[in-house]
Every structure is written in structure tokens, then in C-alpha cells.
Amino acid sequence: MKKAISVLSGGLDCTVATSVYAKDYDIHAITFNYGQKSFKRELEASKKICEKMGFEHSVIDLPWLAQISNSSLNTSEEIPEIKEEELDDIKKSSETASSVWVPARNMVFTSIATSFAESIGAEIIIVGWDAEEAATFPDNSKEFLNTFNELIEIGSPENIKIEAPAIDLNKEEIVKLGLEVGAPMEISYSCYAGREKHCGVCESCMRRKRAFKKLNIEDLTEYEQ
């Protein structure tokens, strides 16, 4: 069976993206620990997803990334809150994105995933990058995806490609796709704050909540607010 690497944080987007390839690939998921507040919950979710879907799973520790970061995701800085009506306000969402930005995170993750793919003979790297987050996170964009694939073509002797099935989708469309492919969205974890229940007020929680609400689909996620 063909092999794949999945960059799996346990979140909604990567869970759905990985599930797209679950039937056709032998998937090895990797979860990164870069000192994020949500790591414990991300790890729990990732393990549950891998157990349910039959994926192999590894954790990669990046303590140096935690040490150089000034992101609210992995420092004492408070995670910003956002209202639903502000999600499409580019100015406001850019402010929250700036607060949670971890230096070159997806460049680091994808480079490591490429190394991992080479080592096990994987043909693809699965990521959860999507159009909605690309509006404020440039490392989620189609341009970033295409450019990184060009880099791999030049820099790797292996035929490896990054696959991002949600690259043109918003959160609502991602949830639709998740339903189609049987993704275990109910056990995914999206919250920046890392609490037992999703906080319900960080940007990641708000985008998740809005997607299910718009589709009028029961959201099994437990929120504090």
C-alpha cells in the first residue's frame, strides 16, 4: 500500500484532510510539540484519531521553537478572543492572527515532514491548509502550497508531493467534506487555549462553531462558552 505522512495536530482541518486519503494510503501521522498551550489536548485528540483510523503516530518535540517564539500560543501572552461577526473583518482577524503566529511554523513542520517522508518512502504529505485561514495566514495559502511543492521537486531526490484537499475550502465546506469522507470530527480538537473543553471564544473555536452552525449540523464539540 502507498505510504503517506500526515501533519496532524488533532484539529478539524487536518483531521478531515487526512481522512480523505485514509482508504488509499498507509498513513503515518506526526504531531509537533512546540510548547503550545493546547499540546496536551492536541496529543489526546491525535492519538484518538489515529487509533480510530488505524494510523501510525509519532510525536516530534521542537523545544527550540518554543524558546524563540513570542506567540500567544506558547507564551504567557493571553490568547485573543473574537466575536462571530468579526471573523470576516480582515483587520480584526489579522490582529488575532498576528498574536498567534509562530515563527515559520508551517515551513518548519513541512520541511520535517518531507524528511520523514523520504525516510519511510512516503509519496505524499497531507496537510490541513485551507482558504479561510489563508486570508490571514500566508502559510496556509495555495501559493505557499505550490511553491513548497516546487521546492521539494528541486531539493528532494524522491517523488513526494504535499496534498492539501481543503486548500480551496472554507470551514463550512471542510465540515461538509468531513461528513462525506467519514472523518472523526467529533474527537478533533481546535482550541488555542488548551482547556479540557473548547474555550469557545478564540478564533479557532469561533470558526469551528460557525461552520457547524451555518450547516445546521449538530456540533458535538464541548465548549465553555
C-alpha atoms as a PDB file:
ATOM      1  CA  MET A   1       0.000   0.000   0.000  1.00  0.00           C
ATOM      2  CA  LYS A   2       1.222   3.517  -0.794  1.00  0.00           C
ATOM      3  CA  LYS A   3       2.548   5.455   2.183  1.00  0.00           C
ATOM      4  CA  ALA A   4       1.708   8.954   3.394  1.00  0.00           C
ATOM      5  CA  ILE A   5       2.781  11.331   6.118  1.00  0.00           C
ATOM      6  CA  SER A   6       0.097  13.409   7.816  1.00  0.00           C
ATOM      7  CA  VAL A   7       0.897  16.593   9.716  1.00  0.00           C
ATOM      8  CA  LEU A   8      -1.763  16.040  12.370  1.00  0.00           C
ATOM      9  CA  SER A   9      -2.409  18.494  15.183  1.00  0.00           C
ATOM     10  CA  GLY A  10      -5.693  16.805  16.013  1.00  0.00           C
ATOM     11  CA  GLY A  11      -7.595  19.825  14.688  1.00  0.00           C
ATOM     12  CA  LEU A  12     -10.649  19.884  12.439  1.00  0.00           C
ATOM     13  CA  ASP A  13      -8.870  20.754   9.180  1.00  0.00           C
ATOM     14  CA  CYS A  14      -6.059  18.198   9.317  1.00  0.00           C
ATOM     15  CA  THR A  15      -8.432  15.503  10.579  1.00  0.00           C
ATOM     16  CA  VAL A  16     -10.677  15.967   7.556  1.00  0.00           C
ATOM     17  CA  ALA A  17      -7.743  16.308   5.148  1.00  0.00           C
ATOM     18  CA  THR A  18      -6.134  13.114   6.419  1.00  0.00           C
ATOM     19  CA  SER A  19      -9.411  11.203   6.295  1.00  0.00           C
ATOM     20  CA  VAL A  20      -9.662  11.953   2.568  1.00  0.00           C
ATOM     21  CA  TYR A  21      -6.680   9.629   2.000  1.00  0.00           C
ATOM     22  CA  ALA A  22      -7.389   7.068   4.720  1.00  0.00           C
ATOM     23  CA  LYS A  23      -8.619   4.301   2.406  1.00  0.00           C
ATOM     24  CA  ASP A  24      -5.860   4.583  -0.178  1.00  0.00           C
ATOM     25  CA  TYR A  25      -2.720   5.145   1.901  1.00  0.00           C
ATOM     26  CA  ASP A  26      -0.845   3.655   4.813  1.00  0.00           C
ATOM     27  CA  ILE A  27      -0.694   6.835   6.891  1.00  0.00           C
ATOM     28  CA  HIS A  28       1.902   7.771   9.482  1.00  0.00           C
ATOM     29  CA  ALA A  29       0.728  10.849  11.397  1.00  0.00           C
ATOM     30  CA  ILE A  30       3.145  13.219  13.113  1.00  0.00           C
ATOM     31  CA  THR A  31       2.180  15.661  15.850  1.00  0.00           C
ATOM     32  CA  PHE A  32       4.501  18.513  16.785  1.00  0.00           C
ATOM     33  CA  ASN A  33       5.145  19.713  20.318  1.00  0.00           C
ATOM     34  CA  TYR A  34       6.419  23.294  20.170  1.00  0.00           C
ATOM     35  CA  GLY A  35       5.347  24.279  23.662  1.00  0.00           C
ATOM     36  CA  GLN A  36       1.819  25.228  22.656  1.00  0.00           C
ATOM     37  CA  LYS A  37      -0.787  25.641  25.402  1.00  0.00           C
ATOM     38  CA  SER A  38      -3.005  23.135  23.618  1.00  0.00           C
ATOM     39  CA  PHE A  39      -0.393  20.382  23.158  1.00  0.00           C
ATOM     40  CA  LYS A  40      -1.840  18.016  25.770  1.00  0.00           C
ATOM     41  CA  ARG A  41      -5.293  18.211  24.191  1.00  0.00           C
ATOM     42  CA  GLU A  42      -3.893  18.079  20.653  1.00  0.00           C
ATOM     43  CA  LEU A  43      -1.956  14.941  21.549  1.00  0.00           C
ATOM     44  CA  GLU A  44      -5.015  13.306  23.110  1.00  0.00           C
ATOM     45  CA  ALA A  45      -7.101  14.090  20.035  1.00  0.00           C
ATOM     46  CA  SER A  46      -4.398  12.951  17.617  1.00  0.00           C
ATOM     47  CA  LYS A  47      -3.951   9.647  19.433  1.00  0.00           C
ATOM     48  CA  LYS A  48      -7.702   9.006  19.437  1.00  0.00           C
ATOM     49  CA  ILE A  49      -7.956   9.836  15.738  1.00  0.00           C
ATOM     50  CA  CYS A  50      -5.032   7.558  14.871  1.00  0.00           C
ATOM     51  CA  GLU A  51      -6.438   4.706  16.957  1.00  0.00           C
ATOM     52  CA  LYS A  52      -9.854   5.069  15.321  1.00  0.00           C
ATOM     53  CA  MET A  53      -8.479   5.359  11.782  1.00  0.00           C
ATOM     54  CA  GLY A  54      -5.636   2.863  12.118  1.00  0.00           C
ATOM     55  CA  PHE A  55      -2.786   5.331  11.557  1.00  0.00           C
ATOM     56  CA  GLU A  56       0.698   5.025  12.979  1.00  0.00           C
ATOM     57  CA  HIS A  57       1.564   8.026  15.144  1.00  0.00           C
ATOM     58  CA  SER A  58       4.727   9.829  16.242  1.00  0.00           C
ATOM     59  CA  VAL A  59       5.395  12.967  18.286  1.00  0.00           C
ATOM     60  CA  ILE A  60       8.200  15.337  17.328  1.00  0.00           C
ATOM     61  CA  ASP A  61       9.433  17.731  20.015  1.00  0.00           C
ATOM     62  CA  LEU A  62      10.632  21.178  18.944  1.00  0.00           C
ATOM     63  CA  PRO A  63      11.701  22.869  22.207  1.00  0.00           C
ATOM     64  CA  TRP A  64      13.815  25.432  20.341  1.00  0.00           C
ATOM     65  CA  LEU A  65      10.725  26.703  18.504  1.00  0.00           C
ATOM     66  CA  ALA A  66       9.041  27.325  21.844  1.00  0.00           C
ATOM     67  CA  GLN A  67      12.119  29.177  23.055  1.00  0.00           C
ATOM     68  CA  ILE A  68      12.266  31.631  20.146  1.00  0.00           C
ATOM     69  CA  SER A  69       8.518  32.172  19.765  1.00  0.00           C
ATOM     70  CA  ASN A  70       6.645  35.234  21.014  1.00  0.00           C
ATOM     71  CA  SER A  71       3.264  33.814  20.018  1.00  0.00           C
ATOM     72  CA  SER A  72       0.369  33.770  22.444  1.00  0.00           C
ATOM     73  CA  LEU A  73       0.040  30.062  21.578  1.00  0.00           C
ATOM     74  CA  ASN A  74       3.177  29.150  23.502  1.00  0.00           C
ATOM     75  CA  THR A  75       3.997  32.076  25.786  1.00  0.00           C
ATOM     76  CA  SER A  76       2.264  33.625  28.785  1.00  0.00           C
ATOM     77  CA  GLU A  77       0.581  36.138  26.488  1.00  0.00           C
ATOM     78  CA  GLU A  78      -3.201  35.862  26.572  1.00  0.00           C
ATOM     79  CA  ILE A  79      -4.976  34.188  23.644  1.00  0.00           C
ATOM     80  CA  PRO A  80      -7.120  36.828  21.892  1.00  0.00           C
ATOM     81  CA  GLU A  81     -10.889  36.458  21.801  1.00  0.00           C
ATOM     82  CA  ILE A  82     -13.046  37.305  18.804  1.00  0.00           C
ATOM     83  CA  LYS A  83     -16.766  37.658  18.108  1.00  0.00           C
ATOM     84  CA  GLU A  84     -18.502  35.779  15.308  1.00  0.00           C
ATOM     85  CA  GLU A  85     -19.322  38.983  13.438  1.00  0.00           C
ATOM     86  CA  GLU A  86     -15.619  39.911  13.465  1.00  0.00           C
ATOM     87  CA  LEU A  87     -14.409  36.718  11.773  1.00  0.00           C
ATOM     88  CA  ASP A  88     -14.692  38.205   8.292  1.00  0.00           C
ATOM     89  CA  ASP A  89     -13.248  41.548   9.348  1.00  0.00           C
ATOM     90  CA  ILE A  90      -9.754  41.319   7.848  1.00  0.00           C
ATOM     91  CA  LYS A  91      -8.354  43.997  10.141  1.00  0.00           C
ATOM     92  CA  LYS A  92      -9.595  42.264  13.305  1.00  0.00           C
ATOM     93  CA  SER A  93      -8.729  38.737  12.192  1.00  0.00           C
ATOM     94  CA  SER A  94      -5.274  39.911  11.090  1.00  0.00           C
ATOM     95  CA  GLU A  95      -4.702  41.223  14.620  1.00  0.00           C
ATOM     96  CA  THR A  96      -5.619  37.868  16.168  1.00  0.00           C
ATOM     97  CA  ALA A  97      -3.549  36.026  13.546  1.00  0.00           C
ATOM     98  CA  SER A  98      -0.548  38.174  14.407  1.00  0.00           C
ATOM     99  CA  SER A  99      -0.931  37.285  18.076  1.00  0.00           C
ATOM    100  CA  VAL A 100      -0.941  33.526  17.463  1.00  0.00           C
ATOM    101  CA  TRP A 101       1.693  33.475  14.703  1.00  0.00           C
ATOM    102  CA  VAL A 102       4.556  31.076  15.492  1.00  0.00           C
ATOM    103  CA  PRO A 103       7.753  31.904  13.535  1.00  0.00           C
ATOM    104  CA  ALA A 104       7.821  29.971  10.229  1.00  0.00           C
ATOM    105  CA  ARG A 105       5.784  27.164  11.788  1.00  0.00           C
ATOM    106  CA  ASN A 106       4.453  25.570   8.617  1.00  0.00           C
ATOM    107  CA  MET A 107       7.803  25.915   6.885  1.00  0.00           C
ATOM    108  CA  VAL A 108       9.419  24.045   9.767  1.00  0.00           C
ATOM    109  CA  PHE A 109       6.667  21.414  10.003  1.00  0.00           C
ATOM    110  CA  THR A 110       6.579  20.755   6.267  1.00  0.00           C
ATOM    111  CA  SER A 111      10.358  20.504   5.990  1.00  0.00           C
ATOM    112  CA  ILE A 112      10.438  17.934   8.784  1.00  0.00           C
ATOM    113  CA  ALA A 113       7.511  16.079   7.213  1.00  0.00           C
ATOM    114  CA  THR A 114       9.459  15.942   3.936  1.00  0.00           C
ATOM    115  CA  SER A 115      12.430  14.426   5.753  1.00  0.00           C
ATOM    116  CA  PHE A 116      10.123  11.905   7.399  1.00  0.00           C
ATOM    117  CA  ALA A 117       8.503  11.091   4.036  1.00  0.00           C
ATOM    118  CA  GLU A 118      11.886  10.452   2.428  1.00  0.00           C
ATOM    119  CA  SER A 119      12.910   8.157   5.278  1.00  0.00           C
ATOM    120  CA  ILE A 120       9.878   5.845   5.016  1.00  0.00           C
ATOM    121  CA  GLY A 121       9.254   6.092   1.280  1.00  0.00           C
ATOM    122  CA  ALA A 122       6.027   8.078   1.549  1.00  0.00           C
ATOM    123  CA  GLU A 123       4.615   9.531  -1.664  1.00  0.00           C
ATOM    124  CA  ILE A 124       2.521  12.316  -0.166  1.00  0.00           C
ATOM    125  CA  ILE A 125       2.428  14.673   2.811  1.00  0.00           C
ATOM    126  CA  ILE A 126      -1.098  15.513   3.947  1.00  0.00           C
ATOM    127  CA  VAL A 127      -1.788  18.945   5.449  1.00  0.00           C
ATOM    128  CA  GLY A 128      -4.939  20.754   6.548  1.00  0.00           C
ATOM    129  CA  TRP A 129      -4.226  24.154   4.984  1.00  0.00           C
ATOM    130  CA  ASP A 130      -7.416  25.903   3.875  1.00  0.00           C
ATOM    131  CA  ALA A 131      -8.702  29.005   2.114  1.00  0.00           C
ATOM    132  CA  GLU A 132     -10.434  30.562   5.115  1.00  0.00           C
ATOM    133  CA  GLU A 133      -7.271  30.678   7.218  1.00  0.00           C
ATOM    134  CA  ALA A 134      -5.133  31.623   4.210  1.00  0.00           C
ATOM    135  CA  ALA A 135      -6.792  35.056   4.322  1.00  0.00           C
ATOM    136  CA  THR A 136      -4.621  35.904   7.359  1.00  0.00           C
ATOM    137  CA  PHE A 137      -2.073  33.061   7.493  1.00  0.00           C
ATOM    138  CA  PRO A 138       0.113  33.131   4.342  1.00  0.00           C
ATOM    139  CA  ASP A 139       1.495  29.673   5.113  1.00  0.00           C
ATOM    140  CA  ASN A 140      -1.989  28.235   4.525  1.00  0.00           C
ATOM    141  CA  SER A 141      -2.294  29.620   1.001  1.00  0.00           C
ATOM    142  CA  LYS A 142      -2.340  27.865  -2.352  1.00  0.00           C
ATOM    143  CA  GLU A 143       0.689  29.919  -3.351  1.00  0.00           C
ATOM    144  CA  PHE A 144       2.602  28.554  -0.362  1.00  0.00           C
ATOM    145  CA  LEU A 145       1.479  25.019  -1.215  1.00  0.00           C
ATOM    146  CA  ASN A 146       2.524  25.270  -4.856  1.00  0.00           C
ATOM    147  CA  THR A 147       5.840  26.895  -4.009  1.00  0.00           C
ATOM    148  CA  PHE A 148       6.706  24.277  -1.395  1.00  0.00           C
ATOM    149  CA  ASN A 149       5.905  21.520  -3.854  1.00  0.00           C
ATOM    150  CA  GLU A 150       8.278  23.158  -6.325  1.00  0.00           C
ATOM    151  CA  LEU A 151      10.923  23.289  -3.592  1.00  0.00           C
ATOM    152  CA  ILE A 152      10.525  19.567  -2.909  1.00  0.00           C
ATOM    153  CA  GLU A 153      10.864  18.827  -6.626  1.00  0.00           C
ATOM    154  CA  ILE A 154      14.178  20.673  -6.647  1.00  0.00           C
ATOM    155  CA  GLY A 155      15.513  19.699  -3.236  1.00  0.00           C
ATOM    156  CA  SER A 156      14.452  16.074  -2.804  1.00  0.00           C
ATOM    157  CA  PRO A 157      15.584  13.076  -4.857  1.00  0.00           C
ATOM    158  CA  GLU A 158      12.243  11.404  -4.110  1.00  0.00           C
ATOM    159  CA  ASN A 159       8.894  11.947  -5.799  1.00  0.00           C
ATOM    160  CA  ILE A 160       6.994  13.486  -2.895  1.00  0.00           C
ATOM    161  CA  LYS A 161       4.019  15.842  -3.102  1.00  0.00           C
ATOM    162  CA  ILE A 162       2.151  17.847  -0.481  1.00  0.00           C
ATOM    163  CA  GLU A 163      -1.595  17.233  -0.685  1.00  0.00           C
ATOM    164  CA  ALA A 164      -3.976  19.810   0.793  1.00  0.00           C
ATOM    165  CA  PRO A 165      -7.549  18.777  -0.061  1.00  0.00           C
ATOM    166  CA  ALA A 166      -9.009  21.753   1.825  1.00  0.00           C
ATOM    167  CA  ILE A 167      -6.819  24.384   0.144  1.00  0.00           C
ATOM    168  CA  ASP A 168      -9.795  25.958  -1.678  1.00  0.00           C
ATOM    169  CA  LEU A 169     -12.347  25.404   1.086  1.00  0.00           C
ATOM    170  CA  ASN A 170     -13.760  27.455   3.944  1.00  0.00           C
ATOM    171  CA  LYS A 171     -14.617  25.853   7.293  1.00  0.00           C
ATOM    172  CA  GLU A 172     -18.206  25.166   6.311  1.00  0.00           C
ATOM    173  CA  GLU A 173     -17.033  23.302   3.214  1.00  0.00           C
ATOM    174  CA  ILE A 174     -14.437  21.437   5.279  1.00  0.00           C
ATOM    175  CA  VAL A 175     -17.151  20.136   7.596  1.00  0.00           C
ATOM    176  CA  LYS A 176     -19.172  19.054   4.529  1.00  0.00           C
ATOM    177  CA  LEU A 177     -16.119  17.214   3.201  1.00  0.00           C
ATOM    178  CA  GLY A 178     -15.587  15.658   6.613  1.00  0.00           C
ATOM    179  CA  LEU A 179     -19.102  14.231   6.557  1.00  0.00           C
ATOM    180  CA  GLU A 180     -18.544  12.835   3.052  1.00  0.00           C
ATOM    181  CA  VAL A 181     -15.322  11.008   3.952  1.00  0.00           C
ATOM    182  CA  GLY A 182     -16.358   9.904   7.438  1.00  0.00           C
ATOM    183  CA  ALA A 183     -13.791  11.992   9.281  1.00  0.00           C
ATOM    184  CA  PRO A 184     -13.943  11.644  13.094  1.00  0.00           C
ATOM    185  CA  MET A 185     -14.553  15.371  13.539  1.00  0.00           C
ATOM    186  CA  GLU A 186     -16.241  14.815  16.887  1.00  0.00           C
ATOM    187  CA  ILE A 187     -12.927  13.833  18.505  1.00  0.00           C
ATOM    188  CA  SER A 188     -10.838  16.554  16.863  1.00  0.00           C
ATOM    189  CA  TYR A 189      -9.593  19.455  18.983  1.00  0.00           C
ATOM    190  CA  SER A 190      -9.305  23.016  17.672  1.00  0.00           C
ATOM    191  CA  CYS A 191      -8.959  25.308  20.695  1.00  0.00           C
ATOM    192  CA  TYR A 192      -5.915  27.555  21.094  1.00  0.00           C
ATOM    193  CA  ALA A 193      -6.326  27.738  24.874  1.00  0.00           C
ATOM    194  CA  GLY A 194      -5.778  24.046  25.570  1.00  0.00           C
ATOM    195  CA  ARG A 195      -8.530  23.589  28.136  1.00  0.00           C
ATOM    196  CA  GLU A 196     -10.427  20.357  28.688  1.00  0.00           C
ATOM    197  CA  LYS A 197     -13.390  21.825  26.856  1.00  0.00           C
ATOM    198  CA  HIS A 198     -13.002  24.173  23.890  1.00  0.00           C
ATOM    199  CA  CYS A 199     -12.991  27.749  25.203  1.00  0.00           C
ATOM    200  CA  GLY A 200     -15.498  28.775  22.525  1.00  0.00           C
ATOM    201  CA  VAL A 201     -14.155  32.332  22.158  1.00  0.00           C
ATOM    202  CA  CYS A 202     -10.724  32.071  20.495  1.00  0.00           C
ATOM    203  CA  GLU A 203     -10.643  32.485  16.728  1.00  0.00           C
ATOM    204  CA  SER A 204     -10.142  28.789  16.064  1.00  0.00           C
ATOM    205  CA  CYS A 205     -13.135  27.857  18.226  1.00  0.00           C
ATOM    206  CA  MET A 206     -15.297  30.563  16.691  1.00  0.00           C
ATOM    207  CA  ARG A 207     -14.582  29.436  13.131  1.00  0.00           C
ATOM    208  CA  ARG A 208     -15.333  25.845  14.084  1.00  0.00           C
ATOM    209  CA  LYS A 209     -18.598  26.788  15.805  1.00  0.00           C
ATOM    210  CA  ARG A 210     -19.719  28.957  12.897  1.00  0.00           C
ATOM    211  CA  ALA A 211     -19.156  26.193  10.341  1.00  0.00           C
ATOM    212  CA  PHE A 212     -21.466  23.727  12.085  1.00  0.00           C
ATOM    213  CA  LYS A 213     -23.989  26.485  12.810  1.00  0.00           C
ATOM    214  CA  LYS A 214     -24.160  27.559   9.160  1.00  0.00           C
ATOM    215  CA  LEU A 215     -24.717  23.979   8.049  1.00  0.00           C
ATOM    216  CA  ASN A 216     -27.347  23.445  10.745  1.00  0.00           C
ATOM    217  CA  ILE A 217     -25.499  20.299  11.801  1.00  0.00           C
ATOM    218  CA  GLU A 218     -25.225  19.159  15.409  1.00  0.00           C
ATOM    219  CA  ASP A 219     -21.858  20.188  16.805  1.00  0.00           C
ATOM    220  CA  LEU A 220     -20.719  17.536  19.279  1.00  0.00           C
ATOM    221  CA  THR A 221     -17.846  19.730  20.464  1.00  0.00           C
ATOM    222  CA  GLU A 222     -17.987  20.715  24.139  1.00  0.00           C
ATOM    223  CA  TYR A 223     -17.489  24.479  24.598  1.00  0.00           C
ATOM    224  CA  GLU A 224     -17.114  26.507  27.770  1.00  0.00           C
ATOM    225  CA  GLN A 225     -18.938  29.411  26.136  1.00  0.00           C
END
